[in-house]
C-alpha cells in the first residue's frame, strides 16, 4: 500500500475537534486563499456532532479530512506527506 492509500485508510481514528481547534490547525494552510476559511467550515460541518460536547465538537472523519488536505496541498504544490504531519498534530489535541 502506498503512502497516499495509507492517508485514506479506514484504520485511522476520527479526530474530535471544535471548529476553533480545526481552524487553528488548518487556517495557516489556506492563509491568503479566499476560499480557505469557508472550506474549513464545510469540513467541520461534515463531521459527526458529539452530543456530550454540547455540539461544540465534532468527529472529523479521516477520509474527508485527507481529501480536503489533498486538494489544498495539491493547489499549493506541497507534498502529501504534509497531510500526515497535520493529522498527527490534530491527534495531539484529543
Protein backbone atom coordinates (compact mmCIF):
# COMPACT_ATOMS: atom_id res chain seq x y z
CA UNK A 1 0.00 0.00 0.00
CA UNK A 2 1.48 3.38 -0.97
CA UNK A 3 1.60 6.48 1.24
CA UNK A 4 -1.48 8.03 -0.36
CA UNK A 5 -3.54 4.88 0.27
CA UNK A 6 -2.44 4.99 3.91
CA UNK A 7 -3.84 8.51 4.23
CA UNK A 8 -7.29 7.29 3.19
CA UNK A 9 -7.16 4.16 5.32
CA UNK A 10 -10.22 3.47 7.44
CA UNK A 11 -7.81 2.38 10.16
CA UNK A 12 -7.12 5.99 11.09
CA UNK A 13 -9.29 7.06 14.02
CA UNK A 14 -11.57 10.08 13.72
CA UNK A 15 -10.44 13.27 15.41
CA UNK A 16 -12.72 15.09 17.87
CA UNK A 17 -12.26 18.83 17.46
CA UNK A 18 -14.16 22.04 17.94
CA UNK A 19 -14.39 24.34 14.94
CA UNK A 20 -11.81 26.63 16.54
CA UNK A 21 -9.36 23.76 17.07
CA UNK A 22 -9.78 22.60 13.48
CA UNK A 23 -9.38 26.16 12.25
CA UNK A 24 -6.26 26.69 14.39
CA UNK A 25 -4.58 23.75 12.66
CA UNK A 26 -5.83 24.31 9.11
CA UNK A 27 -6.03 28.11 8.75
CA UNK A 28 -2.28 28.54 8.23
CA UNK A 29 -2.57 26.23 5.19
CA UNK A 30 -5.15 28.41 3.48
CA UNK A 31 -3.91 31.83 4.54
CA UNK A 32 -4.13 34.12 1.55
CA UNK A 33 -6.67 31.93 -0.24
CA UNK A 34 -10.18 33.43 -0.31
CA UNK A 35 -11.88 30.04 -0.44
CA UNK A 36 -9.95 28.70 2.55
CA UNK A 37 -11.98 29.62 5.62
CA UNK A 38 -15.26 28.55 4.05
CA UNK A 39 -13.85 25.14 3.22
CA UNK A 40 -12.67 24.65 6.82
CA UNK A 41 -16.23 25.35 7.99
CA UNK A 42 -17.59 22.94 5.36
CA UNK A 43 -15.17 20.23 6.51
CA UNK A 44 -16.16 20.74 10.16
CA UNK A 45 -19.88 20.56 9.30
CA UNK A 46 -19.27 17.18 7.60
CA UNK A 47 -18.10 15.84 10.96
CA UNK A 48 -20.32 13.87 13.30
CA UNK A 49 -21.70 16.02 16.15
CA UNK A 50 -20.69 14.91 19.63
CA UNK A 51 -23.68 15.33 21.97
CA UNK A 52 -21.52 15.02 25.09
CA UNK A 53 -19.64 18.12 23.93
CA UNK A 54 -22.87 20.08 23.56
CA UNK A 55 -22.44 20.10 19.79
CA UNK A 56 -19.29 22.19 20.09
CA UNK A 57 -17.03 19.35 18.94
CA UNK A 58 -17.39 17.02 16.01
CA UNK A 59 -15.72 13.80 14.98
CA UNK A 60 -13.79 14.63 11.84
CA UNK A 61 -13.72 11.58 9.57
CA UNK A 62 -10.15 10.92 8.38
CA UNK A 63 -11.13 10.16 4.77
CA UNK A 64 -12.92 13.53 4.45
CA UNK A 65 -10.04 15.32 6.14
CA UNK A 66 -7.48 13.70 3.87
CA UNK A 67 -9.48 14.59 0.73
CA UNK A 68 -9.56 18.20 1.94
CA UNK A 69 -5.83 18.16 2.68
CA UNK A 70 -5.03 16.56 -0.67
CA UNK A 71 -6.93 19.30 -2.50
CA UNK A 72 -5.27 22.10 -0.54
CA UNK A 73 -1.77 20.65 -0.73
CA UNK A 74 -2.10 19.97 -4.47
CA UNK A 75 -3.23 23.57 -5.07
CA UNK A 76 -0.10 24.72 -3.26
CA UNK A 77 2.25 22.23 -4.87
CA UNK A 78 3.12 20.75 -1.49
CA UNK A 79 3.83 17.05 -0.86
CA UNK A 80 1.06 14.85 0.50
CA UNK A 81 3.43 13.86 3.32
CA UNK A 82 2.44 17.16 4.92
CA UNK A 83 -1.07 15.73 5.41
CA UNK A 84 0.26 13.05 7.76
CA UNK A 85 2.04 15.68 9.85
CA UNK A 86 -1.14 17.75 10.12
CA UNK A 87 -3.22 14.71 11.08
CA UNK A 88 -0.68 13.87 13.80
CA UNK A 89 -0.88 17.42 15.17
CA UNK A 90 -4.68 17.08 15.36
CA UNK A 91 -4.40 13.82 17.27
CA UNK A 92 -2.34 15.53 19.96
CA UNK A 93 -5.30 17.86 20.60
CA UNK A 94 -7.56 14.95 21.59
